Amino acid sequence: MNLSGVLVVAKPEWREQVVESLNALEGVEVHQVDADTGRIVVVQEAADIHAEIDGLKRIKALPHVIMAEMVYHYIGEDDKVYEGLPAELQDDREGSDACVVPPYLNS
């Protein structure tokens, strides 16, 4: 089982709808909401890292979500051996061992 902490940001006027959408997702639980800023702290439970990444993609695709990023990750009892980062987390520039950095963090 993998657990991840995800920070979700929505415009404050859409906060309630986003919280409802998050609570409707399997394995997702809303833990904290800042009504003034639209920041929402979510915990996601997933079977493995690939399901965890897919869940994060589903969160990012929800209507009115401005940003969603994993800020904490815990792997528990994952019997699969990973030789490296999953492809969706790798920087695909030749010779790079770095993780993908969201574009808005590069500016």
C-alpha atoms as a PDB file:
ATOM      1  CA  MET A   1       0.000   0.000   0.000  1.00  0.00           C
ATOM      2  CA  ASN A   2       1.240   3.460  -0.901  1.00  0.00           C
ATOM      3  CA  LEU A   3       0.135   6.631   0.824  1.00  0.00           C
ATOM      4  CA  SER A   4       0.690  10.077  -0.574  1.00  0.00           C
ATOM      5  CA  GLY A   5      -0.030  13.542   0.712  1.00  0.00           C
ATOM      6  CA  VAL A   6      -1.285  15.824  -2.029  1.00  0.00           C
ATOM      7  CA  LEU A   7      -1.694  19.590  -1.928  1.00  0.00           C
ATOM      8  CA  VAL A   8      -4.579  20.674  -4.130  1.00  0.00           C
ATOM      9  CA  VAL A   9      -5.310  24.315  -4.953  1.00  0.00           C
ATOM     10  CA  ALA A  10      -8.653  25.551  -6.258  1.00  0.00           C
ATOM     11  CA  LYS A  11     -10.102  29.020  -6.561  1.00  0.00           C
ATOM     12  CA  PRO A  12     -11.880  29.719  -3.263  1.00  0.00           C
ATOM     13  CA  GLU A  13     -15.255  30.105  -5.012  1.00  0.00           C
ATOM     14  CA  TRP A  14     -14.939  26.530  -6.376  1.00  0.00           C
ATOM     15  CA  ARG A  15     -13.524  25.001  -3.181  1.00  0.00           C
ATOM     16  CA  GLU A  16     -16.707  23.178  -2.139  1.00  0.00           C
ATOM     17  CA  GLN A  17     -17.189  21.581  -5.561  1.00  0.00           C
ATOM     18  CA  VAL A  18     -13.554  20.478  -5.667  1.00  0.00           C
ATOM     19  CA  VAL A  19     -13.794  18.970  -2.164  1.00  0.00           C
ATOM     20  CA  GLU A  20     -16.906  17.028  -3.234  1.00  0.00           C
ATOM     21  CA  SER A  21     -15.118  15.772  -6.351  1.00  0.00           C
ATOM     22  CA  LEU A  22     -12.066  14.735  -4.332  1.00  0.00           C
ATOM     23  CA  ASN A  23     -14.183  12.872  -1.777  1.00  0.00           C
ATOM     24  CA  ALA A  24     -15.863  10.982  -4.632  1.00  0.00           C
ATOM     25  CA  LEU A  25     -12.540   9.536  -5.822  1.00  0.00           C
ATOM     26  CA  GLU A  26     -11.715   6.043  -4.601  1.00  0.00           C
ATOM     27  CA  GLY A  27      -8.803   6.003  -2.143  1.00  0.00           C
ATOM     28  CA  VAL A  28      -8.846   9.777  -1.619  1.00  0.00           C
ATOM     29  CA  GLU A  29      -9.677  11.504   1.653  1.00  0.00           C
ATOM     30  CA  VAL A  30      -9.754  15.260   2.266  1.00  0.00           C
ATOM     31  CA  HIS A  31      -8.044  16.123   5.557  1.00  0.00           C
ATOM     32  CA  GLN A  32      -7.758  19.900   5.647  1.00  0.00           C
ATOM     33  CA  VAL A  33      -9.324  22.811   3.775  1.00  0.00           C
ATOM     34  CA  ASP A  34      -8.301  26.469   3.874  1.00  0.00           C
ATOM     35  CA  ALA A  35     -11.445  28.292   2.748  1.00  0.00           C
ATOM     36  CA  ASP A  36      -9.660  31.616   2.188  1.00  0.00           C
ATOM     37  CA  THR A  37      -6.902  30.335  -0.100  1.00  0.00           C
ATOM     38  CA  GLY A  38      -8.566  27.296  -1.671  1.00  0.00           C
ATOM     39  CA  ARG A  39      -5.776  25.002  -0.468  1.00  0.00           C
ATOM     40  CA  ILE A  40      -6.869  21.438   0.213  1.00  0.00           C
ATOM     41  CA  VAL A  41      -4.759  18.715   1.833  1.00  0.00           C
ATOM     42  CA  VAL A  42      -5.577  15.225   0.623  1.00  0.00           C
ATOM     43  CA  VAL A  43      -4.322  11.757   1.510  1.00  0.00           C
ATOM     44  CA  GLN A  44      -4.426   9.183  -1.249  1.00  0.00           C
ATOM     45  CA  GLU A  45      -4.106   5.438  -0.757  1.00  0.00           C
ATOM     46  CA  ALA A  46      -3.019   3.296  -3.712  1.00  0.00           C
ATOM     47  CA  ALA A  47      -1.886  -0.267  -4.351  1.00  0.00           C
ATOM     48  CA  ASP A  48       1.457   0.683  -5.925  1.00  0.00           C
ATOM     49  CA  ILE A  49       3.369   3.638  -7.330  1.00  0.00           C
ATOM     50  CA  HIS A  50       1.708   3.385 -10.743  1.00  0.00           C
ATOM     51  CA  ALA A  51      -1.775   3.526  -9.183  1.00  0.00           C
ATOM     52  CA  GLU A  52      -0.557   6.418  -7.049  1.00  0.00           C
ATOM     53  CA  ILE A  53       0.569   8.376 -10.117  1.00  0.00           C
ATOM     54  CA  ASP A  54      -2.692   7.579 -11.918  1.00  0.00           C
ATOM     55  CA  GLY A  55      -4.610   8.858  -8.885  1.00  0.00           C
ATOM     56  CA  LEU A  56      -2.621  12.089  -8.887  1.00  0.00           C
ATOM     57  CA  LYS A  57      -3.390  12.528 -12.588  1.00  0.00           C
ATOM     58  CA  ARG A  58      -7.126  12.053 -11.838  1.00  0.00           C
ATOM     59  CA  ILE A  59      -6.925  14.711  -9.117  1.00  0.00           C
ATOM     60  CA  LYS A  60      -5.142  17.141 -11.467  1.00  0.00           C
ATOM     61  CA  ALA A  61      -7.811  16.571 -14.127  1.00  0.00           C
ATOM     62  CA  LEU A  62     -10.744  17.469 -11.866  1.00  0.00           C
ATOM     63  CA  PRO A  63     -12.672  20.585 -12.895  1.00  0.00           C
ATOM     64  CA  HIS A  64     -11.561  23.781 -11.144  1.00  0.00           C
ATOM     65  CA  VAL A  65      -8.305  22.303  -9.804  1.00  0.00           C
ATOM     66  CA  ILE A  66      -5.572  24.865 -10.417  1.00  0.00           C
ATOM     67  CA  MET A  67      -2.723  22.736  -9.116  1.00  0.00           C
ATOM     68  CA  ALA A  68      -2.202  19.387  -7.411  1.00  0.00           C
ATOM     69  CA  GLU A  69       1.197  18.063  -6.398  1.00  0.00           C
ATOM     70  CA  MET A  70       2.366  15.164  -4.298  1.00  0.00           C
ATOM     71  CA  VAL A  71       4.224  16.548  -1.293  1.00  0.00           C
ATOM     72  CA  TYR A  72       4.644  13.333   0.688  1.00  0.00           C
ATOM     73  CA  HIS A  73       5.035   9.702  -0.328  1.00  0.00           C
ATOM     74  CA  TYR A  74       5.139   6.514   1.740  1.00  0.00           C
ATOM     75  CA  ILE A  75       5.665   3.006   0.383  1.00  0.00           C
ATOM     76  CA  GLY A  76       4.465   0.235   2.644  1.00  0.00           C
ATOM     77  CA  GLU A  77       4.510  -3.447   1.817  1.00  0.00           C
ATOM     78  CA  ASP A  78       5.153  -3.027  -1.901  1.00  0.00           C
ATOM     79  CA  ASP A  79       6.694  -6.336  -2.991  1.00  0.00           C
ATOM     80  CA  LYS A  80       7.569  -5.049  -6.439  1.00  0.00           C
ATOM     81  CA  VAL A  81      11.243  -4.221  -6.970  1.00  0.00           C
ATOM     82  CA  TYR A  82      11.832  -0.985  -8.865  1.00  0.00           C
ATOM     83  CA  GLU A  83      15.100  -0.674 -10.769  1.00  0.00           C
ATOM     84  CA  GLY A  84      14.575   3.048 -11.225  1.00  0.00           C
ATOM     85  CA  LEU A  85      11.954   5.739 -11.379  1.00  0.00           C
ATOM     86  CA  PRO A  86       8.799   4.918 -13.336  1.00  0.00           C
ATOM     87  CA  ALA A  87       8.889   6.427 -16.822  1.00  0.00           C
ATOM     88  CA  GLU A  88       6.205   9.000 -16.002  1.00  0.00           C
ATOM     89  CA  LEU A  89       8.457  10.449 -13.275  1.00  0.00           C
ATOM     90  CA  GLN A  90      11.665  10.515 -15.272  1.00  0.00           C
ATOM     91  CA  ASP A  91      13.159  13.482 -17.023  1.00  0.00           C
ATOM     92  CA  ASP A  92      13.474  12.141 -20.564  1.00  0.00           C
ATOM     93  CA  ARG A  93      16.414  14.327 -21.576  1.00  0.00           C
ATOM     94  CA  GLU A  94      19.313  12.149 -22.618  1.00  0.00           C
ATOM     95  CA  GLY A  95      21.678  11.350 -19.770  1.00  0.00           C
ATOM     96  CA  SER A  96      19.432  12.813 -17.103  1.00  0.00           C
ATOM     97  CA  ASP A  97      18.755  10.948 -13.848  1.00  0.00           C
ATOM     98  CA  ALA A  98      16.557  13.742 -12.538  1.00  0.00           C
ATOM     99  CA  CYS A  99      12.873  13.634 -11.673  1.00  0.00           C
ATOM    100  CA  VAL A 100      10.403  15.584 -13.729  1.00  0.00           C
ATOM    101  CA  VAL A 101       9.917  19.077 -12.337  1.00  0.00           C
ATOM    102  CA  PRO A 102       6.557  20.716 -13.002  1.00  0.00           C
ATOM    103  CA  PRO A 103       7.005  23.568 -15.511  1.00  0.00           C
ATOM    104  CA  TYR A 104       5.689  26.238 -13.145  1.00  0.00           C
ATOM    105  CA  LEU A 105       8.547  25.465 -10.723  1.00  0.00           C
ATOM    106  CA  ASN A 106      11.121  26.125 -13.428  1.00  0.00           C
ATOM    107  CA  SER A 107      10.179  29.762 -13.953  1.00  0.00           C
END
